[in-house]
C-alpha atoms as a PDB file:
ATOM      1  CA  UNK A   1      44.409 -16.842  -5.877  1.00  0.00           C
ATOM      2  CA  UNK A   2      41.458 -18.108  -7.453  1.00  0.00           C
ATOM      3  CA  UNK A   3      43.737 -20.710  -8.992  1.00  0.00           C
ATOM      4  CA  UNK A   4      44.780 -22.004  -5.946  1.00  0.00           C
ATOM      5  CA  UNK A   5      41.854 -22.171  -4.132  1.00  0.00           C
ATOM      6  CA  UNK A   6      40.389 -24.302  -7.573  1.00  0.00           C
ATOM      7  CA  UNK A   7      43.387 -26.575  -7.160  1.00  0.00           C
ATOM      8  CA  UNK A   8      43.132 -27.026  -3.198  1.00  0.00           C
ATOM      9  CA  UNK A   9      39.295 -27.653  -3.916  1.00  0.00           C
ATOM     10  CA  UNK A  10      39.614 -30.114  -6.143  1.00  0.00           C
ATOM     11  CA  UNK A  11      41.675 -32.152  -4.204  1.00  0.00           C
ATOM     12  CA  UNK A  12      39.421 -31.746  -1.497  1.00  0.00           C
ATOM     13  CA  UNK A  13      36.800 -33.149  -3.502  1.00  0.00           C
ATOM     14  CA  UNK A  14      39.186 -36.125  -4.521  1.00  0.00           C
ATOM     15  CA  UNK A  15      39.983 -37.025  -0.873  1.00  0.00           C
ATOM     16  CA  UNK A  16      36.232 -36.957  -0.192  1.00  0.00           C
ATOM     17  CA  UNK A  17      36.527 -33.973   2.717  1.00  0.00           C
ATOM     18  CA  UNK A  18      33.930 -35.386   5.458  1.00  0.00           C
ATOM     19  CA  UNK A  19      32.746 -31.687   5.840  1.00  0.00           C
ATOM     20  CA  UNK A  20      31.945 -30.923   2.115  1.00  0.00           C
ATOM     21  CA  UNK A  21      30.346 -34.613   1.305  1.00  0.00           C
ATOM     22  CA  UNK A  22      28.165 -33.916   4.726  1.00  0.00           C
ATOM     23  CA  UNK A  23      26.729 -30.164   3.813  1.00  0.00           C
ATOM     24  CA  UNK A  24      26.414 -31.935   0.226  1.00  0.00           C
ATOM     25  CA  UNK A  25      24.537 -34.701   0.895  1.00  0.00           C
ATOM     26  CA  UNK A  26      22.310 -32.668   3.774  1.00  0.00           C
ATOM     27  CA  UNK A  27      21.037 -30.258   0.562  1.00  0.00           C
ATOM     28  CA  UNK A  28      20.172 -32.410  -1.224  1.00  0.00           C
ATOM     29  CA  UNK A  29      18.034 -34.579   0.551  1.00  0.00           C
ATOM     30  CA  UNK A  30      16.310 -31.113   2.357  1.00  0.00           C
ATOM     31  CA  UNK A  31      15.594 -30.033  -1.094  1.00  0.00           C
ATOM     32  CA  UNK A  32      14.383 -33.166  -2.636  1.00  0.00           C
ATOM     33  CA  UNK A  33      12.228 -33.915   0.434  1.00  0.00           C
ATOM     34  CA  UNK A  34      10.612 -29.933   0.566  1.00  0.00           C
ATOM     35  CA  UNK A  35       9.901 -30.143  -3.370  1.00  0.00           C
ATOM     36  CA  UNK A  36       8.350 -33.623  -2.795  1.00  0.00           C
ATOM     37  CA  UNK A  37       6.273 -32.304  -0.411  1.00  0.00           C
ATOM     38  CA  UNK A  38       5.602 -29.266  -2.029  1.00  0.00           C
ATOM     39  CA  UNK A  39       4.782 -31.049  -5.416  1.00  0.00           C
ATOM     40  CA  UNK A  40       2.096 -33.649  -3.853  1.00  0.00           C
ATOM     41  CA  UNK A  41       0.210 -30.132  -2.754  1.00  0.00           C
ATOM     42  CA  UNK A  42       0.893 -27.871  -5.637  1.00  0.00           C
ATOM     43  CA  UNK A  43      -0.105 -29.759  -8.717  1.00  0.00           C
ATOM     44  CA  UNK A  44      -3.393 -30.642  -7.040  1.00  0.00           C
ATOM     45  CA  UNK A  45      -4.041 -27.213  -6.141  1.00  0.00           C
ATOM     46  CA  UNK A  46      -2.876 -26.451  -9.802  1.00  0.00           C
ATOM     47  CA  UNK A  47      -4.946 -29.088 -11.482  1.00  0.00           C
ATOM     48  CA  UNK A  48      -8.145 -27.342  -9.122  1.00  0.00           C
ATOM     49  CA  UNK A  49      -7.196 -23.955 -10.329  1.00  0.00           C
ATOM     50  CA  UNK A  50      -7.435 -24.551 -14.048  1.00  0.00           C
ATOM     51  CA  UNK A  51     -10.736 -26.499 -13.486  1.00  0.00           C
ATOM     52  CA  UNK A  52     -13.216 -25.295 -10.787  1.00  0.00           C
ATOM     53  CA  UNK A  53     -14.381 -21.931 -10.132  1.00  0.00           C
ATOM     54  CA  UNK A  54     -14.821 -20.827  -7.061  1.00  0.00           C
ATOM     55  CA  UNK A  55     -15.009 -17.846  -4.600  1.00  0.00           C
ATOM     56  CA  UNK A  56     -11.364 -16.738  -4.179  1.00  0.00           C
ATOM     57  CA  UNK A  57      -9.965 -18.912  -7.106  1.00  0.00           C
ATOM     58  CA  UNK A  58      -8.602 -15.633  -8.787  1.00  0.00           C
ATOM     59  CA  UNK A  59      -6.652 -14.270  -5.805  1.00  0.00           C
ATOM     60  CA  UNK A  60      -5.368 -17.760  -5.450  1.00  0.00           C
ATOM     61  CA  UNK A  61      -3.980 -17.502  -8.530  1.00  0.00           C
ATOM     62  CA  UNK A  62      -2.061 -14.051  -8.109  1.00  0.00           C
ATOM     63  CA  UNK A  63      -0.806 -14.860  -4.829  1.00  0.00           C
ATOM     64  CA  UNK A  64       0.873 -18.122  -6.129  1.00  0.00           C
ATOM     65  CA  UNK A  65       2.358 -16.141  -8.752  1.00  0.00           C
ATOM     66  CA  UNK A  66       3.657 -13.453  -6.150  1.00  0.00           C
ATOM     67  CA  UNK A  67       5.075 -16.037  -4.169  1.00  0.00           C
ATOM     68  CA  UNK A  68       7.686 -17.285  -6.940  1.00  0.00           C
ATOM     69  CA  UNK A  69       9.272 -13.812  -6.452  1.00  0.00           C
ATOM     70  CA  UNK A  70       9.498 -13.422  -2.620  1.00  0.00           C
ATOM     71  CA  UNK A  71      12.592 -13.067  -1.072  1.00  0.00           C
ATOM     72  CA  UNK A  72      13.861 -16.000   0.408  1.00  0.00           C
ATOM     73  CA  UNK A  73      14.943 -14.052   3.642  1.00  0.00           C
ATOM     74  CA  UNK A  74      11.536 -12.888   3.540  1.00  0.00           C
ATOM     75  CA  UNK A  75      10.428 -16.604   3.734  1.00  0.00           C
ATOM     76  CA  UNK A  76      12.848 -17.706   6.614  1.00  0.00           C
ATOM     77  CA  UNK A  77      11.643 -14.748   8.425  1.00  0.00           C
ATOM     78  CA  UNK A  78       8.353 -15.517   8.588  1.00  0.00           C
ATOM     79  CA  UNK A  79       9.296 -19.415   9.661  1.00  0.00           C
ATOM     80  CA  UNK A  80      11.769 -17.919  12.177  1.00  0.00           C
ATOM     81  CA  UNK A  81       8.814 -15.751  13.706  1.00  0.00           C
ATOM     82  CA  UNK A  82       6.427 -19.194  13.637  1.00  0.00           C
ATOM     83  CA  UNK A  83       8.875 -21.301  15.041  1.00  0.00           C
ATOM     84  CA  UNK A  84      10.718 -19.502  17.460  1.00  0.00           C
ATOM     85  CA  UNK A  85       9.730 -20.187  21.337  1.00  0.00           C
ATOM     86  CA  UNK A  86       7.453 -16.890  21.242  1.00  0.00           C
ATOM     87  CA  UNK A  87       5.826 -18.252  18.160  1.00  0.00           C
ATOM     88  CA  UNK A  88       2.521 -20.353  17.617  1.00  0.00           C
ATOM     89  CA  UNK A  89       4.572 -23.429  16.553  1.00  0.00           C
ATOM     90  CA  UNK A  90       7.477 -22.777  19.134  1.00  0.00           C
ATOM     91  CA  UNK A  91       6.788 -25.874  21.384  1.00  0.00           C
ATOM     92  CA  UNK A  92       8.082 -28.494  18.827  1.00  0.00           C
ATOM     93  CA  UNK A  93      11.124 -26.957  18.624  1.00  0.00           C
ATOM     94  CA  UNK A  94      11.918 -26.998  15.332  1.00  0.00           C
ATOM     95  CA  UNK A  95      13.918 -23.957  15.329  1.00  0.00           C
ATOM     96  CA  UNK A  96      17.699 -24.287  13.947  1.00  0.00           C
ATOM     97  CA  UNK A  97      16.899 -28.046  12.912  1.00  0.00           C
ATOM     98  CA  UNK A  98      17.054 -29.563   9.538  1.00  0.00           C
ATOM     99  CA  UNK A  99      13.002 -30.127   9.313  1.00  0.00           C
ATOM    100  CA  UNK A 100      13.097 -26.085   9.741  1.00  0.00           C
ATOM    101  CA  UNK A 101      14.957 -25.927   6.395  1.00  0.00           C
ATOM    102  CA  UNK A 102      12.582 -28.464   5.006  1.00  0.00           C
ATOM    103  CA  UNK A 103       9.559 -25.967   6.175  1.00  0.00           C
ATOM    104  CA  UNK A 104      10.730 -23.030   4.949  1.00  0.00           C
ATOM    105  CA  UNK A 105      11.998 -24.403   1.682  1.00  0.00           C
ATOM    106  CA  UNK A 106       8.495 -26.046   1.343  1.00  0.00           C
ATOM    107  CA  UNK A 107       6.745 -22.570   1.193  1.00  0.00           C
ATOM    108  CA  UNK A 108       9.580 -21.400  -1.400  1.00  0.00           C
ATOM    109  CA  UNK A 109       8.906 -24.428  -3.750  1.00  0.00           C
ATOM    110  CA  UNK A 110       4.648 -24.577  -3.573  1.00  0.00           C
ATOM    111  CA  UNK A 111       4.189 -21.253  -5.222  1.00  0.00           C
ATOM    112  CA  UNK A 112       6.384 -22.153  -8.114  1.00  0.00           C
ATOM    113  CA  UNK A 113       5.089 -25.874  -8.269  1.00  0.00           C
ATOM    114  CA  UNK A 114       1.322 -24.434  -8.310  1.00  0.00           C
ATOM    115  CA  UNK A 115       2.204 -22.130 -10.743  1.00  0.00           C
ATOM    116  CA  UNK A 116       3.710 -23.152 -13.344  1.00  0.00           C
ATOM    117  CA  UNK A 117       1.612 -26.891 -12.662  1.00  0.00           C
ATOM    118  CA  UNK A 118      -1.726 -24.489 -13.130  1.00  0.00           C
ATOM    119  CA  UNK A 119      -0.209 -22.870 -16.490  1.00  0.00           C
ATOM    120  CA  UNK A 120       0.656 -26.892 -17.753  1.00  0.00           C
ATOM    121  CA  UNK A 121      -2.940 -27.512 -17.068  1.00  0.00           C
ATOM    122  CA  UNK A 122      -4.378 -24.320 -18.651  1.00  0.00           C
ATOM    123  CA  UNK A 123      -2.871 -25.112 -21.764  1.00  0.00           C
ATOM    124  CA  UNK A 124      -3.683 -28.904 -21.939  1.00  0.00           C
ATOM    125  CA  UNK A 125      -6.499 -29.193 -24.991  1.00  0.00           C
ATOM    126  CA  UNK A 126     -10.195 -29.043 -23.133  1.00  0.00           C
ATOM    127  CA  UNK A 127     -11.118 -32.176 -26.106  1.00  0.00           C
ATOM    128  CA  UNK A 128      -8.816 -34.536 -23.404  1.00  0.00           C
ATOM    129  CA  UNK A 129     -10.895 -34.267 -20.576  1.00  0.00           C
ATOM    130  CA  UNK A 130     -13.775 -34.088 -22.686  1.00  0.00           C
ATOM    131  CA  UNK A 131     -12.863 -37.288 -24.252  1.00  0.00           C
ATOM    132  CA  UNK A 132     -11.867 -39.270 -21.591  1.00  0.00           C
ATOM    133  CA  UNK A 133     -15.642 -38.487 -19.934  1.00  0.00           C
ATOM    134  CA  UNK A 134     -17.473 -39.555 -23.159  1.00  0.00           C
ATOM    135  CA  UNK A 135     -15.600 -42.873 -23.037  1.00  0.00           C
ATOM    136  CA  UNK A 136     -16.675 -42.903 -19.288  1.00  0.00           C
ATOM    137  CA  UNK A 137     -14.271 -42.023 -17.408  1.00  0.00           C
ATOM    138  CA  UNK A 138     -14.217 -41.309 -13.560  1.00  0.00           C
ATOM    139  CA  UNK A 139     -13.019 -38.089 -11.820  1.00  0.00           C
ATOM    140  CA  UNK A 140      -9.855 -40.424 -10.665  1.00  0.00           C
ATOM    141  CA  UNK A 141      -9.089 -41.651 -14.239  1.00  0.00           C
ATOM    142  CA  UNK A 142      -9.547 -37.852 -15.847  1.00  0.00           C
ATOM    143  CA  UNK A 143      -7.164 -36.851 -13.104  1.00  0.00           C
ATOM    144  CA  UNK A 144      -4.592 -39.587 -14.339  1.00  0.00           C
ATOM    145  CA  UNK A 145      -5.139 -38.558 -17.639  1.00  0.00           C
ATOM    146  CA  UNK A 146      -4.376 -35.044 -17.010  1.00  0.00           C
ATOM    147  CA  UNK A 147      -1.340 -35.691 -15.221  1.00  0.00           C
ATOM    148  CA  UNK A 148       0.119 -38.188 -18.229  1.00  0.00           C
ATOM    149  CA  UNK A 149      -0.698 -35.818 -20.597  1.00  0.00           C
ATOM    150  CA  UNK A 150       1.177 -33.035 -18.621  1.00  0.00           C
ATOM    151  CA  UNK A 151       3.938 -34.855 -17.596  1.00  0.00           C
ATOM    152  CA  UNK A 152       6.840 -33.046 -19.548  1.00  0.00           C
ATOM    153  CA  UNK A 153       5.697 -29.299 -17.798  1.00  0.00           C
ATOM    154  CA  UNK A 154       5.135 -30.923 -14.679  1.00  0.00           C
ATOM    155  CA  UNK A 155       8.233 -32.256 -14.340  1.00  0.00           C
ATOM    156  CA  UNK A 156       9.883 -28.916 -15.527  1.00  0.00           C
ATOM    157  CA  UNK A 157       8.098 -27.782 -12.706  1.00  0.00           C
ATOM    158  CA  UNK A 158       9.511 -29.661  -9.970  1.00  0.00           C
ATOM    159  CA  UNK A 159      12.577 -29.485 -11.502  1.00  0.00           C
ATOM    160  CA  UNK A 160      12.458 -25.471 -11.675  1.00  0.00           C
ATOM    161  CA  UNK A 161      11.429 -25.499  -7.789  1.00  0.00           C
ATOM    162  CA  UNK A 162      14.325 -28.068  -6.575  1.00  0.00           C
ATOM    163  CA  UNK A 163      16.622 -25.939  -8.675  1.00  0.00           C
ATOM    164  CA  UNK A 164      15.527 -22.771  -5.973  1.00  0.00           C
ATOM    165  CA  UNK A 165      15.556 -24.735  -2.758  1.00  0.00           C
ATOM    166  CA  UNK A 166      18.950 -26.260  -3.781  1.00  0.00           C
ATOM    167  CA  UNK A 167      20.610 -23.032  -4.133  1.00  0.00           C
ATOM    168  CA  UNK A 168      18.763 -20.733  -1.650  1.00  0.00           C
ATOM    169  CA  UNK A 169      20.569 -19.221   1.153  1.00  0.00           C
ATOM    170  CA  UNK A 170      18.488 -17.257   3.414  1.00  0.00           C
ATOM    171  CA  UNK A 171      16.024 -19.643   4.475  1.00  0.00           C
ATOM    172  CA  UNK A 172      18.788 -22.028   5.620  1.00  0.00           C
ATOM    173  CA  UNK A 173      20.810 -19.443   7.582  1.00  0.00           C
ATOM    174  CA  UNK A 174      18.005 -18.052   9.151  1.00  0.00           C
ATOM    175  CA  UNK A 175      16.219 -20.769  10.136  1.00  0.00           C
ATOM    176  CA  UNK A 176      19.102 -23.305  10.529  1.00  0.00           C
ATOM    177  CA  UNK A 177      21.888 -21.623  11.909  1.00  0.00           C
ATOM    178  CA  UNK A 178      24.278 -23.053  10.255  1.00  0.00           C
ATOM    179  CA  UNK A 179      25.578 -25.399  12.711  1.00  0.00           C
ATOM    180  CA  UNK A 180      28.418 -28.062  11.424  1.00  0.00           C
ATOM    181  CA  UNK A 181      27.116 -31.523  11.141  1.00  0.00           C
ATOM    182  CA  UNK A 182      23.212 -30.670  11.751  1.00  0.00           C
ATOM    183  CA  UNK A 183      22.213 -28.348   9.536  1.00  0.00           C
ATOM    184  CA  UNK A 184      24.929 -27.012   7.520  1.00  0.00           C
ATOM    185  CA  UNK A 185      24.238 -26.670   3.483  1.00  0.00           C
ATOM    186  CA  UNK A 186      26.003 -26.220   0.903  1.00  0.00           C
ATOM    187  CA  UNK A 187      25.242 -22.605   0.121  1.00  0.00           C
ATOM    188  CA  UNK A 188      25.628 -21.800   4.198  1.00  0.00           C
ATOM    189  CA  UNK A 189      28.943 -23.587   3.979  1.00  0.00           C
ATOM    190  CA  UNK A 190      30.610 -21.831   1.360  1.00  0.00           C
ATOM    191  CA  UNK A 191      29.405 -18.115   2.936  1.00  0.00           C
ATOM    192  CA  UNK A 192      31.165 -19.162   6.187  1.00  0.00           C
ATOM    193  CA  UNK A 193      34.069 -20.628   5.146  1.00  0.00           C
ATOM    194  CA  UNK A 194      34.469 -18.259   2.582  1.00  0.00           C
ATOM    195  CA  UNK A 195      33.933 -15.352   5.842  1.00  0.00           C
ATOM    196  CA  UNK A 196      36.674 -17.829   7.630  1.00  0.00           C
ATOM    197  CA  UNK A 197      39.532 -17.159   4.906  1.00  0.00           C
ATOM    198  CA  UNK A 198      39.110 -20.975   4.005  1.00  0.00           C
ATOM    199  CA  UNK A 199      38.932 -20.226   0.226  1.00  0.00           C
ATOM    200  CA  UNK A 200      39.572 -23.220  -0.935  1.00  0.00           C
ATOM    201  CA  UNK A 201      36.721 -25.271   1.033  1.00  0.00           C
ATOM    202  CA  UNK A 202      34.492 -22.857  -0.025  1.00  0.00           C
ATOM    203  CA  UNK A 203      35.207 -22.957  -3.703  1.00  0.00           C
ATOM    204  CA  UNK A 204      35.003 -26.875  -3.218  1.00  0.00           C
ATOM    205  CA  UNK A 205      31.624 -26.466  -2.224  1.00  0.00           C
ATOM    206  CA  UNK A 206      30.731 -23.792  -4.798  1.00  0.00           C
ATOM    207  CA  UNK A 207      32.173 -26.108  -7.618  1.00  0.00           C
ATOM    208  CA  UNK A 208      29.375 -29.244  -6.128  1.00  0.00           C
ATOM    209  CA  UNK A 209      26.634 -26.309  -6.065  1.00  0.00           C
ATOM    210  CA  UNK A 210      27.731 -25.502  -9.878  1.00  0.00           C
ATOM    211  CA  UNK A 211      27.657 -29.146 -11.060  1.00  0.00           C
ATOM    212  CA  UNK A 212      24.400 -29.857  -9.646  1.00  0.00           C
ATOM    213  CA  UNK A 213      22.904 -26.450 -10.992  1.00  0.00           C
ATOM    214  CA  UNK A 214      24.394 -27.549 -14.338  1.00  0.00           C
ATOM    215  CA  UNK A 215      23.021 -30.724 -14.362  1.00  0.00           C
ATOM    216  CA  UNK A 216      19.535 -29.232 -13.274  1.00  0.00           C
ATOM    217  CA  UNK A 217      19.652 -26.463 -15.956  1.00  0.00           C
ATOM    218  CA  UNK A 218      20.384 -29.639 -18.749  1.00  0.00           C
ATOM    219  CA  UNK A 219      17.418 -31.227 -16.973  1.00  0.00           C
ATOM    220  CA  UNK A 220      14.924 -28.232 -17.229  1.00  0.00           C
ATOM    221  CA  UNK A 221      16.347 -27.155 -20.997  1.00  0.00           C
ATOM    222  CA  UNK A 222      15.452 -30.934 -21.811  1.00  0.00           C
ATOM    223  CA  UNK A 223      12.065 -31.095 -20.435  1.00  0.00           C
ATOM    224  CA  UNK A 224      11.036 -27.741 -21.960  1.00  0.00           C
ATOM    225  CA  UNK A 225      12.428 -28.930 -25.521  1.00  0.00           C
ATOM    226  CA  UNK A 226      10.724 -32.089 -25.272  1.00  0.00           C
ATOM    227  CA  UNK A 227       7.204 -30.087 -24.536  1.00  0.00           C
ATOM    228  CA  UNK A 228       8.170 -27.539 -27.156  1.00  0.00           C
ATOM    229  CA  UNK A 229       8.364 -30.292 -29.558  1.00  0.00           C
ATOM    230  CA  UNK A 230       4.902 -31.994 -28.099  1.00  0.00           C
ATOM    231  CA  UNK A 231       3.180 -29.067 -28.182  1.00  0.00           C
ATOM    232  CA  UNK A 232       4.357 -28.355 -32.199  1.00  0.00           C
END
């Protein structure tokens, strides 16, 4: 069964089956948008938590670390409650749309980017910022210097968040609804097709997931190796 499924899956991929390609493209852009938004906020938060002292700082660090291990179904449940008709944002009618999945994956990626960015800035040699200040660099220039010096670690944080979002199932299923042509992603489509007995189509989508996951793992390993070589 597995051999026949893989054979049929390869045929579907070579024929560019519309449902498979549609789910793959939607998974990519939804995860990319969610991680991009999370990175804009998370990297800034990581820098703030590593450089400033203020009330609640320790609690924010702990919460961001705890957020990395929160189950995706719990995030999906919270987003469902907020976006449902009886929720505070029900009037926006975002539930069962791709934007609902983006919002859910944003909350999944934010603590990952924040925690890993905070760790990267914490490991940065303090003399880098002090030297920039001595040379007359303003706050913006010092921030740019910090970002430049930690670019490998920040790239690793973004890739890690994207890998987690791209392969998640709970959020997409709960707030997206797995509607064909609208909110179906690779993970939800794989689960549905397999449960319907469409094993080949499920395998085809799993192969795309596996391929992209391998590429992400390779990229993360390269970033991690570059960072370790830079530290040594």
